[in-house]
Amino acid sequence: MKVEVVKGIYGHVALYFCEDDDSGLRVAGQKPWGGGQTIHSFDVDLSDKRTRELLIKLLKESES
């Protein structure tokens, strides 16, 4: 999975979780109306147990 920081044309930034090159889920920040540019991209290793445990913990906390 990739995590991308996208900067919109008005200077706002957003954080996306991306499963592939064609789709992503914006999880923070404003939608980059008028297009956006990826300014940082990170690969997340979901096979790592600690990474999965942290994501599960964060999801559970956000549901409560």
PDB file of N, CA and C in Angstrom:
ATOM      1  N   MET A   1       0.845  -1.162   0.000  1.00  0.00           N
ATOM      2  CA  MET A   1       0.000   0.000   0.000  1.00  0.00           C
ATOM      3  C   MET A   1       0.893   1.229   0.000  1.00  0.00           C
ATOM      4  N   LYS A   2       0.436   2.276  -0.662  1.00  0.00           N
ATOM      5  CA  LYS A   2       1.169   3.533  -0.669  1.00  0.00           C
ATOM      6  C   LYS A   2       0.410   4.570   0.139  1.00  0.00           C
ATOM      7  N   VAL A   3       1.159   5.455   0.747  1.00  0.00           N
ATOM      8  CA  VAL A   3       0.612   6.641   1.381  1.00  0.00           C
ATOM      9  C   VAL A   3       1.190   7.817   0.613  1.00  0.00           C
ATOM     10  N   GLU A   4       0.302   8.731   0.182  1.00  0.00           N
ATOM     11  CA  GLU A   4       0.761   9.877  -0.596  1.00  0.00           C
ATOM     12  C   GLU A   4       0.302  11.178   0.035  1.00  0.00           C
ATOM     13  N   VAL A   5       1.190  12.163   0.001  1.00  0.00           N
ATOM     14  CA  VAL A   5       0.856  13.525   0.391  1.00  0.00           C
ATOM     15  C   VAL A   5       0.664  14.295  -0.910  1.00  0.00           C
ATOM     16  N   VAL A   6      -0.543  14.845  -1.082  1.00  0.00           N
ATOM     17  CA  VAL A   6      -0.888  15.537  -2.325  1.00  0.00           C
ATOM     18  C   VAL A   6      -1.134  17.011  -2.024  1.00  0.00           C
ATOM     19  N   LYS A   7      -0.512  17.877  -2.801  1.00  0.00           N
ATOM     20  CA  LYS A   7      -0.689  19.320  -2.643  1.00  0.00           C
ATOM     21  C   LYS A   7      -1.568  19.825  -3.781  1.00  0.00           C
ATOM     22  N   GLY A   8      -2.650  20.523  -3.407  1.00  0.00           N
ATOM     23  CA  GLY A   8      -3.553  21.089  -4.397  1.00  0.00           C
ATOM     24  C   GLY A   8      -3.031  22.397  -4.958  1.00  0.00           C
ATOM     25  N   ILE A   9      -3.701  22.899  -5.979  1.00  0.00           N
ATOM     26  CA  ILE A   9      -3.233  24.125  -6.633  1.00  0.00           C
ATOM     27  C   ILE A   9      -3.366  25.356  -5.742  1.00  0.00           C
ATOM     28  N   TYR A  10      -4.185  25.278  -4.686  1.00  0.00           N
ATOM     29  CA  TYR A  10      -4.351  26.397  -3.758  1.00  0.00           C
ATOM     30  C   TYR A  10      -3.472  26.261  -2.517  1.00  0.00           C
ATOM     31  N   GLY A  11      -2.592  25.266  -2.496  1.00  0.00           N
ATOM     32  CA  GLY A  11      -1.641  25.109  -1.414  1.00  0.00           C
ATOM     33  C   GLY A  11      -2.056  24.158  -0.298  1.00  0.00           C
ATOM     34  N   HIS A  12      -3.300  23.669  -0.321  1.00  0.00           N
ATOM     35  CA  HIS A  12      -3.747  22.728   0.702  1.00  0.00           C
ATOM     36  C   HIS A  12      -3.117  21.363   0.452  1.00  0.00           C
ATOM     37  N   VAL A  13      -2.896  20.628   1.521  1.00  0.00           N
ATOM     38  CA  VAL A  13      -2.357  19.280   1.377  1.00  0.00           C
ATOM     39  C   VAL A  13      -3.366  18.254   1.878  1.00  0.00           C
ATOM     40  N   ALA A  14      -3.289  17.062   1.324  1.00  0.00           N
ATOM     41  CA  ALA A  14      -4.164  15.957   1.701  1.00  0.00           C
ATOM     42  C   ALA A  14      -3.340  14.686   1.791  1.00  0.00           C
ATOM     43  N   LEU A  15      -3.833  13.745   2.590  1.00  0.00           N
ATOM     44  CA  LEU A  15      -3.168  12.461   2.770  1.00  0.00           C
ATOM     45  C   LEU A  15      -4.054  11.374   2.183  1.00  0.00           C
ATOM     46  N   TYR A  16      -3.491  10.542   1.328  1.00  0.00           N
ATOM     47  CA  TYR A  16      -4.223   9.475   0.651  1.00  0.00           C
ATOM     48  C   TYR A  16      -3.601   8.122   0.961  1.00  0.00           C
ATOM     49  N   PHE A  17      -4.447   7.109   1.151  1.00  0.00           N
ATOM     50  CA  PHE A  17      -4.027   5.716   1.161  1.00  0.00           C
ATOM     51  C   PHE A  17      -4.361   5.168  -0.211  1.00  0.00           C
ATOM     52  N   CYS A  18      -3.392   4.582  -0.890  1.00  0.00           N
ATOM     53  CA  CYS A  18      -3.576   4.130  -2.266  1.00  0.00           C
ATOM     54  C   CYS A  18      -3.327   2.630  -2.368  1.00  0.00           C
ATOM     55  N   GLU A  19      -4.286   1.938  -2.982  1.00  0.00           N
ATOM     56  CA  GLU A  19      -4.122   0.498  -3.208  1.00  0.00           C
ATOM     57  C   GLU A  19      -3.428   0.219  -4.531  1.00  0.00           C
ATOM     58  N   ASP A  20      -3.640   1.089  -5.508  1.00  0.00           N
ATOM     59  CA  ASP A  20      -2.998   0.944  -6.806  1.00  0.00           C
ATOM     60  C   ASP A  20      -2.801   2.339  -7.392  1.00  0.00           C
ATOM     61  N   ASP A  21      -2.347   2.413  -8.636  1.00  0.00           N
ATOM     62  CA  ASP A  21      -2.060   3.707  -9.245  1.00  0.00           C
ATOM     63  C   ASP A  21      -3.310   4.481  -9.652  1.00  0.00           C
ATOM     64  N   ASP A  22      -4.463   3.807  -9.717  1.00  0.00           N
ATOM     65  CA  ASP A  22      -5.672   4.451 -10.212  1.00  0.00           C
ATOM     66  C   ASP A  22      -6.628   4.935  -9.127  1.00  0.00           C
ATOM     67  N   SER A  23      -6.444   4.495  -7.884  1.00  0.00           N
ATOM     68  CA  SER A  23      -7.410   4.887  -6.867  1.00  0.00           C
ATOM     69  C   SER A  23      -6.724   5.144  -5.534  1.00  0.00           C
ATOM     70  N   GLY A  24      -7.349   6.012  -4.760  1.00  0.00           N
ATOM     71  CA  GLY A  24      -6.839   6.305  -3.433  1.00  0.00           C
ATOM     72  C   GLY A  24      -7.970   6.796  -2.556  1.00  0.00           C
ATOM     73  N   LEU A  25      -7.783   6.681  -1.276  1.00  0.00           N
ATOM     74  CA  LEU A  25      -8.776   7.128  -0.308  1.00  0.00           C
ATOM     75  C   LEU A  25      -8.172   8.294   0.462  1.00  0.00           C
ATOM     76  N   ARG A  26      -8.817   9.466   0.360  1.00  0.00           N
ATOM     77  CA  ARG A  26      -8.341  10.641   1.097  1.00  0.00           C
ATOM     78  C   ARG A  26      -8.742  10.471   2.552  1.00  0.00           C
ATOM     79  N   VAL A  27      -7.769  10.485   3.450  1.00  0.00           N
ATOM     80  CA  VAL A  27      -8.041  10.262   4.866  1.00  0.00           C
ATOM     81  C   VAL A  27      -7.822  11.518   5.702  1.00  0.00           C
ATOM     82  N   ALA A  28      -7.196  12.526   5.140  1.00  0.00           N
ATOM     83  CA  ALA A  28      -6.988  13.779   5.863  1.00  0.00           C
ATOM     84  C   ALA A  28      -6.772  14.906   4.863  1.00  0.00           C
ATOM     85  N   GLY A  29      -7.186  16.085   5.269  1.00  0.00           N
ATOM     86  CA  GLY A  29      -6.967  17.260   4.434  1.00  0.00           C
ATOM     87  C   GLY A  29      -8.105  17.511   3.463  1.00  0.00           C
ATOM     88  N   GLN A  30      -8.002  18.648   2.797  1.00  0.00           N
ATOM     89  CA  GLN A  30      -9.022  19.060   1.841  1.00  0.00           C
ATOM     90  C   GLN A  30      -8.786  18.429   0.475  1.00  0.00           C
ATOM     91  N   LYS A  31      -9.882  18.219  -0.244  1.00  0.00           N
ATOM     92  CA  LYS A  31      -9.787  17.686  -1.600  1.00  0.00           C
ATOM     93  C   LYS A  31      -9.030  18.702  -2.461  1.00  0.00           C
ATOM     94  N   PRO A  32      -8.051  18.244  -3.236  1.00  0.00           N
ATOM     95  CA  PRO A  32      -7.289  19.163  -4.083  1.00  0.00           C
ATOM     96  C   PRO A  32      -8.056  19.525  -5.364  1.00  0.00           C
ATOM     97  N   TRP A  33      -9.059  20.395  -5.210  1.00  0.00           N
ATOM     98  CA  TRP A  33      -9.872  20.812  -6.355  1.00  0.00           C
ATOM     99  C   TRP A  33      -8.983  21.404  -7.438  1.00  0.00           C
ATOM    100  N   GLY A  34      -9.293  21.099  -8.671  1.00  0.00           N
ATOM    101  CA  GLY A  34      -8.515  21.615  -9.788  1.00  0.00           C
ATOM    102  C   GLY A  34      -7.258  20.819 -10.064  1.00  0.00           C
ATOM    103  N   GLY A  35      -7.115  19.707  -9.379  1.00  0.00           N
ATOM    104  CA  GLY A  35      -5.936  18.865  -9.594  1.00  0.00           C
ATOM    105  C   GLY A  35      -4.961  18.985  -8.446  1.00  0.00           C
ATOM    106  N   GLY A  36      -4.090  18.050  -8.358  1.00  0.00           N
ATOM    107  CA  GLY A  36      -3.102  18.046  -7.294  1.00  0.00           C
ATOM    108  C   GLY A  36      -1.832  17.369  -7.762  1.00  0.00           C
ATOM    109  N   GLN A  37      -0.781  17.579  -6.999  1.00  0.00           N
ATOM    110  CA  GLN A  37       0.510  16.988  -7.322  1.00  0.00           C
ATOM    111  C   GLN A  37       0.998  16.216  -6.101  1.00  0.00           C
ATOM    112  N   THR A  38       1.409  14.971  -6.317  1.00  0.00           N
ATOM    113  CA  THR A  38       1.974  14.180  -5.236  1.00  0.00           C
ATOM    114  C   THR A  38       3.339  14.745  -4.889  1.00  0.00           C
ATOM    115  N   ILE A  39       3.485  15.191  -3.629  1.00  0.00           N
ATOM    116  CA  ILE A  39       4.762  15.778  -3.221  1.00  0.00           C
ATOM    117  C   ILE A  39       5.608  14.804  -2.406  1.00  0.00           C
ATOM    118  N   HIS A  40       4.961  13.775  -1.825  1.00  0.00           N
ATOM    119  CA  HIS A  40       5.683  12.712  -1.128  1.00  0.00           C
ATOM    120  C   HIS A  40       4.901  11.413  -1.307  1.00  0.00           C
ATOM    121  N   SER A  41       5.617  10.323  -1.418  1.00  0.00           N
ATOM    122  CA  SER A  41       5.002   9.004  -1.548  1.00  0.00           C
ATOM    123  C   SER A  41       5.783   8.021  -0.682  1.00  0.00           C
ATOM    124  N   PHE A  42       5.044   7.221   0.084  1.00  0.00           N
ATOM    125  CA  PHE A  42       5.666   6.259   0.979  1.00  0.00           C
ATOM    126  C   PHE A  42       5.062   4.882   0.736  1.00  0.00           C
ATOM    127  N   ASP A  43       5.873   3.856   0.772  1.00  0.00           N
ATOM    128  CA  ASP A  43       5.380   2.484   0.694  1.00  0.00           C
ATOM    129  C   ASP A  43       5.181   1.955   2.112  1.00  0.00           C
ATOM    130  N   VAL A  44       4.026   1.347   2.360  1.00  0.00           N
ATOM    131  CA  VAL A  44       3.714   0.770   3.660  1.00  0.00           C
ATOM    132  C   VAL A  44       3.703  -0.742   3.506  1.00  0.00           C
ATOM    133  N   ASP A  45       4.493  -1.419   4.315  1.00  0.00           N
ATOM    134  CA  ASP A  45       4.605  -2.875   4.248  1.00  0.00           C
ATOM    135  C   ASP A  45       3.525  -3.511   5.118  1.00  0.00           C
ATOM    136  N   LEU A  46       2.417  -3.909   4.495  1.00  0.00           N
ATOM    137  CA  LEU A  46       1.314  -4.500   5.241  1.00  0.00           C
ATOM    138  C   LEU A  46       1.605  -5.926   5.682  1.00  0.00           C
ATOM    139  N   SER A  47       2.699  -6.508   5.215  1.00  0.00           N
ATOM    140  CA  SER A  47       3.057  -7.847   5.686  1.00  0.00           C
ATOM    141  C   SER A  47       3.736  -7.780   7.060  1.00  0.00           C
ATOM    142  N   ASP A  48       4.126  -6.573   7.476  1.00  0.00           N
ATOM    143  CA  ASP A  48       4.751  -6.394   8.787  1.00  0.00           C
ATOM    144  C   ASP A  48       3.672  -6.405   9.876  1.00  0.00           C
ATOM    145  N   LYS A  49       3.820  -7.291  10.836  1.00  0.00           N
ATOM    146  CA  LYS A  49       2.816  -7.479  11.889  1.00  0.00           C
ATOM    147  C   LYS A  49       2.589  -6.205  12.696  1.00  0.00           C
ATOM    148  N   ARG A  50       3.648  -5.488  13.034  1.00  0.00           N
ATOM    149  CA  ARG A  50       3.504  -4.266  13.833  1.00  0.00           C
ATOM    150  C   ARG A  50       2.726  -3.190  13.083  1.00  0.00           C
ATOM    151  N   THR A  51       2.947  -3.097  11.784  1.00  0.00           N
ATOM    152  CA  THR A  51       2.216  -2.122  10.972  1.00  0.00           C
ATOM    153  C   THR A  51       0.733  -2.448  10.964  1.00  0.00           C
ATOM    154  N   ARG A  52       0.408  -3.720  10.733  1.00  0.00           N
ATOM    155  CA  ARG A  52      -1.013  -4.132  10.730  1.00  0.00           C
ATOM    156  C   ARG A  52      -1.659  -3.881  12.079  1.00  0.00           C
ATOM    157  N   GLU A  53      -0.954  -4.220  13.167  1.00  0.00           N
ATOM    158  CA  GLU A  53      -1.506  -4.017  14.510  1.00  0.00           C
ATOM    159  C   GLU A  53      -1.771  -2.539  14.787  1.00  0.00           C
ATOM    160  N   LEU A  54      -0.868  -1.679  14.359  1.00  0.00           N
ATOM    161  CA  LEU A  54      -1.057  -0.241  14.558  1.00  0.00           C
ATOM    162  C   LEU A  54      -2.261   0.266  13.769  1.00  0.00           C
ATOM    163  N   LEU A  55      -2.381  -0.142  12.505  1.00  0.00           N
ATOM    164  CA  LEU A  55      -3.524   0.289  11.697  1.00  0.00           C
ATOM    165  C   LEU A  55      -4.843  -0.200  12.298  1.00  0.00           C
ATOM    166  N   ILE A  56      -4.870  -1.431  12.782  1.00  0.00           N
ATOM    167  CA  ILE A  56      -6.080  -1.971  13.409  1.00  0.00           C
ATOM    168  C   ILE A  56      -6.411  -1.169  14.666  1.00  0.00           C
ATOM    169  N   LYS A  57      -5.403  -0.862  15.469  1.00  0.00           N
ATOM    170  CA  LYS A  57      -5.613  -0.079  16.690  1.00  0.00           C
ATOM    171  C   LYS A  57      -6.172   1.300  16.357  1.00  0.00           C
ATOM    172  N   LEU A  58      -5.607   1.960  15.378  1.00  0.00           N
ATOM    173  CA  LEU A  58      -6.081   3.295  14.992  1.00  0.00           C
ATOM    174  C   LEU A  58      -7.515   3.245  14.471  1.00  0.00           C
ATOM    175  N   LEU A  59      -7.844   2.208  13.710  1.00  0.00           N
ATOM    176  CA  LEU A  59      -9.206   2.085  13.202  1.00  0.00           C
ATOM    177  C   LEU A  59     -10.203   1.872  14.337  1.00  0.00           C
ATOM    178  N   LYS A  60      -9.840   1.042  15.300  1.00  0.00           N
ATOM    179  CA  LYS A  60     -10.729   0.802  16.448  1.00  0.00           C
ATOM    180  C   LYS A  60     -10.931   2.074  17.253  1.00  0.00           C
ATOM    181  N   GLU A  61      -9.866   2.847  17.460  1.00  0.00           N
ATOM    182  CA  GLU A  61      -9.971   4.097  18.218  1.00  0.00           C
ATOM    183  C   GLU A  61     -10.858   5.109  17.506  1.00  0.00           C
ATOM    184  N   SER A  62     -10.781   5.138  16.184  1.00  0.00           N
ATOM    185  CA  SER A  62     -11.582   6.108  15.427  1.00  0.00           C
ATOM    186  C   SER A  62     -13.057   5.741  15.410  1.00  0.00           C
ATOM    187  N   GLU A  63     -13.390   4.460  15.639  1.00  0.00           N
ATOM    188  CA  GLU A  63     -14.786   4.046  15.653  1.00  0.00           C
ATOM    189  C   GLU A  63     -15.470   4.378  16.971  1.00  0.00           C
ATOM    190  N   SER A  64     -14.709   4.606  18.021  1.00  0.00           N
ATOM    191  CA  SER A  64     -15.326   4.879  19.328  1.00  0.00           C
ATOM    192  C   SER A  64     -15.455   6.359  19.612  1.00  0.00           C
TER     193      SER A  64
END
